[in-house]
Amino acid sequence: MQRLAIYTTADGAEVAVQVADDVLAPGVTLRGGGGGGALVERTQQNLDDVLANTRPAVRSLLRQLREHEDAPDELEVEFGIQVSLEVGAFIASADSSANFKVTMRWHRPPS
């Protein structure tokens, strides 16, 4: 059964996100489910806070790539973000199982 979590964003909007968990997380309120459809859960977690869990990994990767002596003029990073009610957001493969496929590009300004 597909599991969806309803998150609130920093601006107060609500967003439904398919989550990776197989078990019900503590503090989650059920809002649907049953006959073969999706199990919808309302969470108290803020989506902005959950997604912020991926920032340290992205910063570390960029720092390593930029500090390399042969750093490229253009840098593109692609990764997936998977959302879990238990652990928040984490870096996942950039395939169809990721909730978000992120491509980031930087162009080095001319010297």
PDB file of N, CA and C in Angstrom:
ATOM      1  N   MET A   1       0.842  -1.178   0.000  1.00  0.00           N
ATOM      2  CA  MET A   1       0.000   0.000   0.000  1.00  0.00           C
ATOM      3  C   MET A   1       0.890   1.245   0.000  1.00  0.00           C
ATOM      4  N   GLN A   2       0.536   2.187  -0.834  1.00  0.00           N
ATOM      5  CA  GLN A   2       1.268   3.445  -0.895  1.00  0.00           C
ATOM      6  C   GLN A   2       1.004   4.255   0.364  1.00  0.00           C
ATOM      7  N   ARG A   3       2.056   4.871   0.923  1.00  0.00           N
ATOM      8  CA  ARG A   3       1.897   5.710   2.105  1.00  0.00           C
ATOM      9  C   ARG A   3       2.221   7.148   1.747  1.00  0.00           C
ATOM     10  N   LEU A   4       1.307   8.043   2.090  1.00  0.00           N
ATOM     11  CA  LEU A   4       1.493   9.462   1.856  1.00  0.00           C
ATOM     12  C   LEU A   4       1.501  10.179   3.193  1.00  0.00           C
ATOM     13  N   ALA A   5       2.376  11.152   3.327  1.00  0.00           N
ATOM     14  CA  ALA A   5       2.412  11.980   4.527  1.00  0.00           C
ATOM     15  C   ALA A   5       2.053  13.401   4.128  1.00  0.00           C
ATOM     16  N   ILE A   6       1.222  14.037   4.931  1.00  0.00           N
ATOM     17  CA  ILE A   6       0.866  15.436   4.712  1.00  0.00           C
ATOM     18  C   ILE A   6       1.805  16.281   5.572  1.00  0.00           C
ATOM     19  N   TYR A   7       2.630  17.074   4.903  1.00  0.00           N
ATOM     20  CA  TYR A   7       3.564  17.972   5.583  1.00  0.00           C
ATOM     21  C   TYR A   7       3.081  19.397   5.412  1.00  0.00           C
ATOM     22  N   THR A   8       3.429  20.246   6.365  1.00  0.00           N
ATOM     23  CA  THR A   8       3.183  21.677   6.260  1.00  0.00           C
ATOM     24  C   THR A   8       4.506  22.345   5.899  1.00  0.00           C
ATOM     25  N   THR A   9       4.468  23.314   4.996  1.00  0.00           N
ATOM     26  CA  THR A   9       5.678  24.049   4.619  1.00  0.00           C
ATOM     27  C   THR A   9       5.806  25.285   5.497  1.00  0.00           C
ATOM     28  N   ALA A  10       6.943  25.964   5.383  1.00  0.00           N
ATOM     29  CA  ALA A  10       7.191  27.154   6.205  1.00  0.00           C
ATOM     30  C   ALA A  10       6.151  28.241   5.966  1.00  0.00           C
ATOM     31  N   ASP A  11       5.575  28.306   4.764  1.00  0.00           N
ATOM     32  CA  ASP A  11       4.566  29.332   4.476  1.00  0.00           C
ATOM     33  C   ASP A  11       3.138  28.862   4.765  1.00  0.00           C
ATOM     34  N   GLY A  12       3.005  27.674   5.404  1.00  0.00           N
ATOM     35  CA  GLY A  12       1.690  27.212   5.836  1.00  0.00           C
ATOM     36  C   GLY A  12       0.951  26.330   4.843  1.00  0.00           C
ATOM     37  N   ALA A  13       1.506  26.117   3.665  1.00  0.00           N
ATOM     38  CA  ALA A  13       0.856  25.240   2.684  1.00  0.00           C
ATOM     39  C   ALA A  13       1.005  23.783   3.109  1.00  0.00           C
ATOM     40  N   GLU A  14       0.100  22.941   2.645  1.00  0.00           N
ATOM     41  CA  GLU A  14       0.193  21.514   2.926  1.00  0.00           C
ATOM     42  C   GLU A  14       0.582  20.778   1.649  1.00  0.00           C
ATOM     43  N   VAL A  15       1.479  19.799   1.795  1.00  0.00           N
ATOM     44  CA  VAL A  15       1.980  19.036   0.663  1.00  0.00           C
ATOM     45  C   VAL A  15       1.920  17.557   1.017  1.00  0.00           C
ATOM     46  N   ALA A  16       1.382  16.738   0.108  1.00  0.00           N
ATOM     47  CA  ALA A  16       1.380  15.287   0.295  1.00  0.00           C
ATOM     48  C   ALA A  16       2.640  14.721  -0.344  1.00  0.00           C
ATOM     49  N   VAL A  17       3.380  13.910   0.409  1.00  0.00           N
ATOM     50  CA  VAL A  17       4.632  13.322  -0.062  1.00  0.00           C
ATOM     51  C   VAL A  17       4.586  11.827   0.174  1.00  0.00           C
ATOM     52  N   GLN A  18       4.914  11.036  -0.847  1.00  0.00           N
ATOM     53  CA  GLN A  18       5.003   9.593  -0.647  1.00  0.00           C
ATOM     54  C   GLN A  18       6.223   9.317   0.221  1.00  0.00           C
ATOM     55  N   VAL A  19       6.056   8.504   1.274  1.00  0.00           N
ATOM     56  CA  VAL A  19       7.149   8.237   2.200  1.00  0.00           C
ATOM     57  C   VAL A  19       7.638   6.806   2.047  1.00  0.00           C
ATOM     58  N   ALA A  20       8.886   6.593   2.459  1.00  0.00           N
ATOM     59  CA  ALA A  20       9.559   5.318   2.264  1.00  0.00           C
ATOM     60  C   ALA A  20       9.294   4.319   3.386  1.00  0.00           C
ATOM     61  N   ASP A  21       8.748   4.747   4.508  1.00  0.00           N
ATOM     62  CA  ASP A  21       8.611   3.884   5.681  1.00  0.00           C
ATOM     63  C   ASP A  21       7.582   2.777   5.480  1.00  0.00           C
ATOM     64  N   ASP A  22       7.847   1.636   6.110  1.00  0.00           N
ATOM     65  CA  ASP A  22       6.901   0.522   6.085  1.00  0.00           C
ATOM     66  C   ASP A  22       6.073   0.437   7.353  1.00  0.00           C
ATOM     67  N   VAL A  23       6.509   1.121   8.410  1.00  0.00           N
ATOM     68  CA  VAL A  23       5.794   1.068   9.683  1.00  0.00           C
ATOM     69  C   VAL A  23       5.279   2.450  10.036  1.00  0.00           C
ATOM     70  N   LEU A  24       4.243   2.493  10.832  1.00  0.00           N
ATOM     71  CA  LEU A  24       3.650   3.753  11.253  1.00  0.00           C
ATOM     72  C   LEU A  24       4.562   4.448  12.256  1.00  0.00           C
ATOM     73  N   ALA A  25       4.873   5.691  12.023  1.00  0.00           N
ATOM     74  CA  ALA A  25       5.742   6.449  12.917  1.00  0.00           C
ATOM     75  C   ALA A  25       4.940   6.939  14.117  1.00  0.00           C
ATOM     76  N   PRO A  26       5.599   7.084  15.288  1.00  0.00           N
ATOM     77  CA  PRO A  26       4.897   7.604  16.455  1.00  0.00           C
ATOM     78  C   PRO A  26       4.458   9.049  16.238  1.00  0.00           C
ATOM     79  N   GLY A  27       3.314   9.420  16.779  1.00  0.00           N
ATOM     80  CA  GLY A  27       2.819  10.790  16.681  1.00  0.00           C
ATOM     81  C   GLY A  27       2.155  11.118  15.364  1.00  0.00           C
ATOM     82  N   VAL A  28       1.895  10.117  14.527  1.00  0.00           N
ATOM     83  CA  VAL A  28       1.287  10.345  13.220  1.00  0.00           C
ATOM     84  C   VAL A  28      -0.204  10.063  13.321  1.00  0.00           C
ATOM     85  N   THR A  29      -1.014  10.933  12.737  1.00  0.00           N
ATOM     86  CA  THR A  29      -2.462  10.764  12.740  1.00  0.00           C
ATOM     87  C   THR A  29      -2.910  10.221  11.394  1.00  0.00           C
ATOM     88  N   LEU A  30      -3.642   9.126  11.386  1.00  0.00           N
ATOM     89  CA  LEU A  30      -4.143   8.541  10.144  1.00  0.00           C
ATOM     90  C   LEU A  30      -5.334   9.339   9.628  1.00  0.00           C
ATOM     91  N   ARG A  31      -5.389   9.557   8.310  1.00  0.00           N
ATOM     92  CA  ARG A  31      -6.475  10.303   7.693  1.00  0.00           C
ATOM     93  C   ARG A  31      -7.145   9.529   6.577  1.00  0.00           C
ATOM     94  N   GLY A  32      -6.870   8.249   6.446  1.00  0.00           N
ATOM     95  CA  GLY A  32      -7.480   7.494   5.359  1.00  0.00           C
ATOM     96  C   GLY A  32      -6.899   6.110   5.311  1.00  0.00           C
ATOM     97  N   GLY A  33      -7.050   5.464   4.197  1.00  0.00           N
ATOM     98  CA  GLY A  33      -6.494   4.124   4.048  1.00  0.00           C
ATOM     99  C   GLY A  33      -7.606   3.130   3.846  1.00  0.00           C
ATOM    100  N   GLY A  34      -7.264   1.882   4.008  1.00  0.00           N
ATOM    101  CA  GLY A  34      -8.243   0.844   3.803  1.00  0.00           C
ATOM    102  C   GLY A  34      -8.097   0.241   2.433  1.00  0.00           C
ATOM    103  N   GLY A  35      -9.178  -0.013   1.753  1.00  0.00           N
ATOM    104  CA  GLY A  35      -9.303  -0.785   0.538  1.00  0.00           C
ATOM    105  C   GLY A  35      -8.311  -0.606  -0.583  1.00  0.00           C
ATOM    106  N   GLY A  36      -7.044  -0.796  -0.394  1.00  0.00           N
ATOM    107  CA  GLY A  36      -6.094  -0.865  -1.485  1.00  0.00           C
ATOM    108  C   GLY A  36      -5.598   0.464  -2.013  1.00  0.00           C
ATOM    109  N   GLY A  37      -6.095   1.578  -1.520  1.00  0.00           N
ATOM    110  CA  GLY A  37      -5.616   2.875  -1.984  1.00  0.00           C
ATOM    111  C   GLY A  37      -4.393   3.291  -1.209  1.00  0.00           C
ATOM    112  N   ALA A  38      -4.261   4.553  -0.971  1.00  0.00           N
ATOM    113  CA  ALA A  38      -3.122   5.086  -0.238  1.00  0.00           C
ATOM    114  C   ALA A  38      -3.497   5.294   1.226  1.00  0.00           C
ATOM    115  N   LEU A  39      -2.526   5.052   2.084  1.00  0.00           N
ATOM    116  CA  LEU A  39      -2.660   5.352   3.493  1.00  0.00           C
ATOM    117  C   LEU A  39      -2.124   6.771   3.669  1.00  0.00           C
ATOM    118  N   VAL A  40      -2.983   7.692   4.107  1.00  0.00           N
ATOM    119  CA  VAL A  40      -2.595   9.093   4.235  1.00  0.00           C
ATOM    120  C   VAL A  40      -2.409   9.407   5.708  1.00  0.00           C
ATOM    121  N   GLU A  41      -1.241   9.990   6.032  1.00  0.00           N
ATOM    122  CA  GLU A  41      -0.899  10.303   7.414  1.00  0.00           C
ATOM    123  C   GLU A  41      -0.567  11.782   7.531  1.00  0.00           C
ATOM    124  N   ARG A  42      -1.083  12.420   8.559  1.00  0.00           N
ATOM    125  CA  ARG A  42      -0.756  13.823   8.811  1.00  0.00           C
ATOM    126  C   ARG A  42       0.382  13.846   9.829  1.00  0.00           C
ATOM    127  N   THR A  43       1.428  14.579   9.504  1.00  0.00           N
ATOM    128  CA  THR A  43       2.579  14.662  10.390  1.00  0.00           C
ATOM    129  C   THR A  43       2.718  16.084  10.928  1.00  0.00           C
ATOM    130  N   GLN A  44       3.336  16.205  12.079  1.00  0.00           N
ATOM    131  CA  GLN A  44       3.590  17.519  12.670  1.00  0.00           C
ATOM    132  C   GLN A  44       4.924  18.098  12.193  1.00  0.00           C
ATOM    133  N   GLN A  45       5.675  17.318  11.410  1.00  0.00           N
ATOM    134  CA  GLN A  45       6.966  17.779  10.921  1.00  0.00           C
ATOM    135  C   GLN A  45       6.777  18.830   9.835  1.00  0.00           C
ATOM    136  N   ASN A  46       7.646  19.813   9.821  1.00  0.00           N
ATOM    137  CA  ASN A  46       7.644  20.847   8.798  1.00  0.00           C
ATOM    138  C   ASN A  46       8.499  20.356   7.630  1.00  0.00           C
ATOM    139  N   LEU A  47       7.980  20.409   6.413  1.00  0.00           N
ATOM    140  CA  LEU A  47       8.703  19.895   5.253  1.00  0.00           C
ATOM    141  C   LEU A  47      10.031  20.622   5.053  1.00  0.00           C
ATOM    142  N   ASP A  48      10.067  21.912   5.301  1.00  0.00           N
ATOM    143  CA  ASP A  48      11.312  22.676   5.151  1.00  0.00           C
ATOM    144  C   ASP A  48      12.380  22.139   6.103  1.00  0.00           C
ATOM    145  N   ASP A  49      11.988  21.835   7.342  1.00  0.00           N
ATOM    146  CA  ASP A  49      12.931  21.292   8.325  1.00  0.00           C
ATOM    147  C   ASP A  49      13.403  19.896   7.926  1.00  0.00           C
ATOM    148  N   VAL A  50      12.495  19.084   7.405  1.00  0.00           N
ATOM    149  CA  VAL A  50      12.845  17.726   6.976  1.00  0.00           C
ATOM    150  C   VAL A  50      13.857  17.772   5.837  1.00  0.00           C
ATOM    151  N   LEU A  51      13.597  18.612   4.832  1.00  0.00           N
ATOM    152  CA  LEU A  51      14.501  18.706   3.689  1.00  0.00           C
ATOM    153  C   LEU A  51      15.852  19.303   4.066  1.00  0.00           C
ATOM    154  N   ALA A  52      15.898  20.096   5.119  1.00  0.00           N
ATOM    155  CA  ALA A  52      17.160  20.688   5.572  1.00  0.00           C
ATOM    156  C   ALA A  52      18.158  19.628   6.014  1.00  0.00           C
ATOM    157  N   ASN A  53      17.693  18.416   6.305  1.00  0.00           N
ATOM    158  CA  ASN A  53      18.603  17.330   6.706  1.00  0.00           C
ATOM    159  C   ASN A  53      19.606  16.984   5.617  1.00  0.00           C
ATOM    160  N   THR A  54      19.312  17.332   4.371  1.00  0.00           N
ATOM    161  CA  THR A  54      20.216  16.986   3.275  1.00  0.00           C
ATOM    162  C   THR A  54      21.299  18.044   3.045  1.00  0.00           C
ATOM    163  N   ARG A  55      21.151  19.213   3.635  1.00  0.00           N
ATOM    164  CA  ARG A  55      22.108  20.305   3.396  1.00  0.00           C
ATOM    165  C   ARG A  55      23.553  19.960   3.737  1.00  0.00           C
ATOM    166  N   PRO A  56      23.840  19.346   4.894  1.00  0.00           N
ATOM    167  CA  PRO A  56      25.248  19.057   5.209  1.00  0.00           C
ATOM    168  C   PRO A  56      25.937  18.171   4.159  1.00  0.00           C
ATOM    169  N   ALA A  57      25.236  17.187   3.626  1.00  0.00           N
ATOM    170  CA  ALA A  57      25.835  16.312   2.608  1.00  0.00           C
ATOM    171  C   ALA A  57      26.115  17.096   1.334  1.00  0.00           C
ATOM    172  N   VAL A  58      25.191  17.940   0.919  1.00  0.00           N
ATOM    173  CA  VAL A  58      25.375  18.730  -0.300  1.00  0.00           C
ATOM    174  C   VAL A  58      26.525  19.720  -0.112  1.00  0.00           C
ATOM    175  N   ARG A  59      26.568  20.392   1.035  1.00  0.00           N
ATOM    176  CA  ARG A  59      27.655  21.348   1.298  1.00  0.00           C
ATOM    177  C   ARG A  59      29.014  20.655   1.278  1.00  0.00           C
ATOM    178  N   SER A  60      29.097  19.497   1.888  1.00  0.00           N
ATOM    179  CA  SER A  60      30.354  18.753   1.938  1.00  0.00           C
ATOM    180  C   SER A  60      30.805  18.359   0.543  1.00  0.00           C
ATOM    181  N   LEU A  61      29.890  17.841  -0.263  1.00  0.00           N
ATOM    182  CA  LEU A  61      30.220  17.449  -1.629  1.00  0.00           C
ATOM    183  C   LEU A  61      30.724  18.642  -2.432  1.00  0.00           C
ATOM    184  N   LEU A  62      30.010  19.752  -2.356  1.00  0.00           N
ATOM    185  CA  LEU A  62      30.413  20.942  -3.113  1.00  0.00           C
ATOM    186  C   LEU A  62      31.775  21.470  -2.656  1.00  0.00           C
ATOM    187  N   ARG A  63      31.994  21.460  -1.363  1.00  0.00           N
ATOM    188  CA  ARG A  63      33.287  21.928  -0.841  1.00  0.00           C
ATOM    189  C   ARG A  63      34.416  21.069  -1.407  1.00  0.00           C
ATOM    190  N   GLN A  64      34.231  19.750  -1.408  1.00  0.00           N
ATOM    191  CA  GLN A  64      35.267  18.856  -1.933  1.00  0.00           C
ATOM    192  C   GLN A  64      35.510  19.091  -3.422  1.00  0.00           C
ATOM    193  N   LEU A  65      34.459  19.281  -4.189  1.00  0.00           N
ATOM    194  CA  LEU A  65      34.612  19.483  -5.624  1.00  0.00           C
ATOM    195  C   LEU A  65      35.235  20.837  -5.953  1.00  0.00           C
ATOM    196  N   ARG A  66      34.843  21.863  -5.239  1.00  0.00           N
ATOM    197  CA  ARG A  66      35.361  23.212  -5.517  1.00  0.00           C
ATOM    198  C   ARG A  66      36.812  23.371  -5.092  1.00  0.00           C
ATOM    199  N   GLU A  67      37.229  22.676  -4.032  1.00  0.00           N
ATOM    200  CA  GLU A  67      38.583  22.817  -3.515  1.00  0.00           C
ATOM    201  C   GLU A  67      39.596  21.979  -4.278  1.00  0.00           C
ATOM    202  N   HIS A  68      39.140  21.147  -5.174  1.00  0.00           N
ATOM    203  CA  HIS A  68      40.054  20.315  -5.949  1.00  0.00           C
ATOM    204  C   HIS A  68      40.906  21.201  -6.839  1.00  0.00           C
ATOM    205  N   GLU A  69      42.191  20.883  -6.963  1.00  0.00           N
ATOM    206  CA  GLU A  69      43.085  21.740  -7.743  1.00  0.00           C
ATOM    207  C   GLU A  69      42.706  21.836  -9.217  1.00  0.00           C
ATOM    208  N   ASP A  70      42.035  20.818  -9.741  1.00  0.00           N
ATOM    209  CA  ASP A  70      41.573  20.838 -11.123  1.00  0.00           C
ATOM    210  C   ASP A  70      40.059  21.020 -11.183  1.00  0.00           C
ATOM    211  N   ALA A  71      39.536  21.905 -10.347  1.00  0.00           N
ATOM    212  CA  ALA A  71      38.092  22.131 -10.285  1.00  0.00           C
ATOM    213  C   ALA A  71      37.573  22.560 -11.663  1.00  0.00           C
ATOM    214  N   PRO A  72      36.442  22.022 -12.083  1.00  0.00           N
ATOM    215  CA  PRO A  72      35.915  22.360 -13.410  1.00  0.00           C
ATOM    216  C   PRO A  72      35.341  23.779 -13.449  1.00  0.00           C
ATOM    217  N   ASP A  73      35.238  24.311 -14.662  1.00  0.00           N
ATOM    218  CA  ASP A  73      34.627  25.623 -14.848  1.00  0.00           C
ATOM    219  C   ASP A  73      33.130  25.569 -14.600  1.00  0.00           C
ATOM    220  N   GLU A  74      32.539  24.434 -14.915  1.00  0.00           N
ATOM    221  CA  GLU A  74      31.114  24.246 -14.686  1.00  0.00           C
ATOM    222  C   GLU A  74      30.932  23.000 -13.853  1.00  0.00           C
ATOM    223  N   LEU A  75      30.039  23.076 -12.890  1.00  0.00           N
ATOM    224  CA  LEU A  75      29.804  21.968 -11.979  1.00  0.00           C
ATOM    225  C   LEU A  75      28.319  21.656 -11.950  1.00  0.00           C
ATOM    226  N   GLU A  76      27.962  20.389 -12.138  1.00  0.00           N
ATOM    227  CA  GLU A  76      26.577  19.953 -12.066  1.00  0.00           C
ATOM    228  C   GLU A  76      26.514  18.749 -11.144  1.00  0.00           C
ATOM    229  N   VAL A  77      25.601  18.794 -10.188  1.00  0.00           N
ATOM    230  CA  VAL A  77      25.425  17.710  -9.234  1.00  0.00           C
ATOM    231  C   VAL A  77      23.987  17.237  -9.336  1.00  0.00           C
ATOM    232  N   GLU A  78      23.779  15.935  -9.459  1.00  0.00           N
ATOM    233  CA  GLU A  78      22.437  15.376  -9.505  1.00  0.00           C
ATOM    234  C   GLU A  78      22.315  14.317  -8.413  1.00  0.00           C
ATOM    235  N   PHE A  79      21.256  14.401  -7.639  1.00  0.00           N
ATOM    236  CA  PHE A  79      21.032  13.430  -6.578  1.00  0.00           C
ATOM    237  C   PHE A  79      19.551  13.341  -6.299  1.00  0.00           C
ATOM    238  N   GLY A  80      19.160  12.322  -5.579  1.00  0.00           N
ATOM    239  CA  GLY A  80      17.770  12.145  -5.193  1.00  0.00           C
ATOM    240  C   GLY A  80      17.596  12.406  -3.708  1.00  0.00           C
ATOM    241  N   ILE A  81      16.415  12.819  -3.328  1.00  0.00           N
ATOM    242  CA  ILE A  81      16.061  12.994  -1.920  1.00  0.00           C
ATOM    243  C   ILE A  81      14.853  12.114  -1.649  1.00  0.00           C
ATOM    244  N   GLN A  82      14.985  11.225  -0.696  1.00  0.00           N
ATOM    245  CA  GLN A  82      13.892  10.348  -0.270  1.00  0.00           C
ATOM    246  C   GLN A  82      13.406  10.849   1.089  1.00  0.00           C
ATOM    247  N   VAL A  83      12.105  10.838   1.310  1.00  0.00           N
ATOM    248  CA  VAL A  83      11.522  11.321   2.561  1.00  0.00           C
ATOM    249  C   VAL A  83      11.041  10.142   3.388  1.00  0.00           C
ATOM    250  N   SER A  84      11.358  10.194   4.676  1.00  0.00           N
ATOM    251  CA  SER A  84      10.957   9.168   5.627  1.00  0.00           C
ATOM    252  C   SER A  84      10.381   9.850   6.855  1.00  0.00           C
ATOM    253  N   LEU A  85       9.294   9.313   7.395  1.00  0.00           N
ATOM    254  CA  LEU A  85       8.727   9.885   8.615  1.00  0.00           C
ATOM    255  C   LEU A  85       9.655   9.659   9.807  1.00  0.00           C
ATOM    256  N   GLU A  86      10.422   8.585   9.781  1.00  0.00           N
ATOM    257  CA  GLU A  86      11.285   8.266  10.918  1.00  0.00           C
ATOM    258  C   GLU A  86      12.604   9.017  10.906  1.00  0.00           C
ATOM    259  N   VAL A  87      13.231   9.172   9.734  1.00  0.00           N
ATOM    260  CA  VAL A  87      14.551   9.801   9.690  1.00  0.00           C
ATOM    261  C   VAL A  87      14.558  11.141   8.967  1.00  0.00           C
ATOM    262  N   GLY A  88      13.453  11.589   8.477  1.00  0.00           N
ATOM    263  CA  GLY A  88      13.402  12.850   7.734  1.00  0.00           C
ATOM    264  C   GLY A  88      13.768  12.617   6.285  1.00  0.00           C
ATOM    265  N   ALA A  89      14.555  13.508   5.721  1.00  0.00           N
ATOM    266  CA  ALA A  89      14.975  13.377   4.327  1.00  0.00           C
ATOM    267  C   ALA A  89      16.401  12.865   4.303  1.00  0.00           C
ATOM    268  N   PHE A  90      16.692  12.056   3.283  1.00  0.00           N
ATOM    269  CA  PHE A  90      18.050  11.543   3.135  1.00  0.00           C
ATOM    270  C   PHE A  90      18.392  11.458   1.662  1.00  0.00           C
ATOM    271  N   ILE A  91      19.699  11.450   1.371  1.00  0.00           N
ATOM    272  CA  ILE A  91      20.174  11.368   0.007  1.00  0.00           C
ATOM    273  C   ILE A  91      19.908   9.956  -0.509  1.00  0.00           C
ATOM    274  N   ALA A  92      19.289   9.867  -1.672  1.00  0.00           N
ATOM    275  CA  ALA A  92      18.957   8.585  -2.280  1.00  0.00           C
ATOM    276  C   ALA A  92      19.446   8.594  -3.722  1.00  0.00           C
ATOM    277  N   SER A  93      19.342   7.460  -4.373  1.00  0.00           N
ATOM    278  CA  SER A  93      19.711   7.429  -5.788  1.00  0.00           C
ATOM    279  C   SER A  93      18.726   8.311  -6.558  1.00  0.00           C
ATOM    280  N   ALA A  94      19.206   8.897  -7.624  1.00  0.00           N
ATOM    281  CA  ALA A  94      18.374   9.817  -8.411  1.00  0.00           C
ATOM    282  C   ALA A  94      17.545   9.035  -9.425  1.00  0.00           C
ATOM    283  N   ASP A  95      16.818   8.047  -8.948  1.00  0.00           N
ATOM    284  CA  ASP A  95      15.973   7.268  -9.852  1.00  0.00           C
ATOM    285  C   ASP A  95      14.513   7.469  -9.474  1.00  0.00           C
ATOM    286  N   SER A  96      13.654   6.623  -9.950  1.00  0.00           N
ATOM    287  CA  SER A  96      12.219   6.827  -9.755  1.00  0.00           C
ATOM    288  C   SER A  96      11.765   6.662  -8.311  1.00  0.00           C
ATOM    289  N   SER A  97      12.585   6.053  -7.422  1.00  0.00           N
ATOM    290  CA  SER A  97      12.162   5.890  -6.036  1.00  0.00           C
ATOM    291  C   SER A  97      12.393   7.145  -5.203  1.00  0.00           C
ATOM    292  N   ALA A  98      13.121   8.109  -5.722  1.00  0.00           N
ATOM    293  CA  ALA A  98      13.374   9.344  -4.981  1.00  0.00           C
ATOM    294  C   ALA A  98      12.149  10.247  -5.050  1.00  0.00           C
ATOM    295  N   ASN A  99      11.879  10.966  -3.957  1.00  0.00           N
ATOM    296  CA  ASN A  99      10.787  11.933  -3.968  1.00  0.00           C
ATOM    297  C   ASN A  99      11.144  13.158  -4.801  1.00  0.00           C
ATOM    298  N   PHE A 100      12.398  13.552  -4.726  1.00  0.00           N
ATOM    299  CA  PHE A 100      12.857  14.734  -5.444  1.00  0.00           C
ATOM    300  C   PHE A 100      14.121  14.372  -6.205  1.00  0.00           C
ATOM    301  N   LYS A 101      14.180  14.689  -7.479  1.00  0.00           N
ATOM    302  CA  LYS A 101      15.408  14.574  -8.256  1.00  0.00           C
ATOM    303  C   LYS A 101      15.919  15.995  -8.403  1.00  0.00           C
ATOM    304  N   VAL A 102      17.118  16.235  -7.912  1.00  0.00           N
ATOM    305  CA  VAL A 102      17.658  17.582  -7.847  1.00  0.00           C
ATOM    306  C   VAL A 102      18.868  17.675  -8.769  1.00  0.00           C
ATOM    307  N   THR A 103      18.882  18.647  -9.651  1.00  0.00           N
ATOM    308  CA  THR A 103      20.051  18.951 -10.465  1.00  0.00           C
ATOM    309  C   THR A 103      20.445  20.380 -10.143  1.00  0.00           C
ATOM    310  N   MET A 104      21.687  20.553  -9.733  1.00  0.00           N
ATOM    311  CA  MET A 104      22.190  21.877  -9.370  1.00  0.00           C
ATOM    312  C   MET A 104      23.329  22.215 -10.323  1.00  0.00           C
ATOM    313  N   ARG A 105      23.379  23.455 -10.833  1.00  0.00           N
ATOM    314  CA  ARG A 105      24.437  23.870 -11.751  1.00  0.00           C
ATOM    315  C   ARG A 105      25.093  25.155 -11.248  1.00  0.00           C
ATOM    316  N   TRP A 106      26.386  25.208 -11.390  1.00  0.00           N
ATOM    317  CA  TRP A 106      27.135  26.416 -11.081  1.00  0.00           C
ATOM    318  C   TRP A 106      28.028  26.705 -12.254  1.00  0.00           C
ATOM    319  N   HIS A 107      28.098  27.953 -12.648  1.00  0.00           N
ATOM    320  CA  HIS A 107      29.006  28.379 -13.701  1.00  0.00           C
ATOM    321  C   HIS A 107      30.012  29.313 -13.059  1.00  0.00           C
ATOM    322  N   ARG A 108      31.252  28.960 -13.212  1.00  0.00           N
ATOM    323  CA  ARG A 108      32.301  29.788 -12.635  1.00  0.00           C
ATOM    324  C   ARG A 108      32.341  31.103 -13.405  1.00  0.00           C
ATOM    325  N   PRO A 109      32.317  32.231 -12.690  1.00  0.00           N
ATOM    326  CA  PRO A 109      32.397  33.524 -13.397  1.00  0.00           C
ATOM    327  C   PRO A 109      33.764  33.680 -14.096  1.00  0.00           C
ATOM    328  N   PRO A 110      33.794  34.395 -15.206  1.00  0.00           N
ATOM    329  CA  PRO A 110      35.073  34.584 -15.894  1.00  0.00           C
ATOM    330  C   PRO A 110      36.077  35.300 -14.990  1.00  0.00           C
ATOM    331  N   SER A 111      37.340  34.880 -15.081  1.00  0.00           N
ATOM    332  CA  SER A 111      38.362  35.530 -14.234  1.00  0.00           C
ATOM    333  C   SER A 111      38.883  36.791 -14.851  1.00  0.00           C
TER     334      SER A 111
END
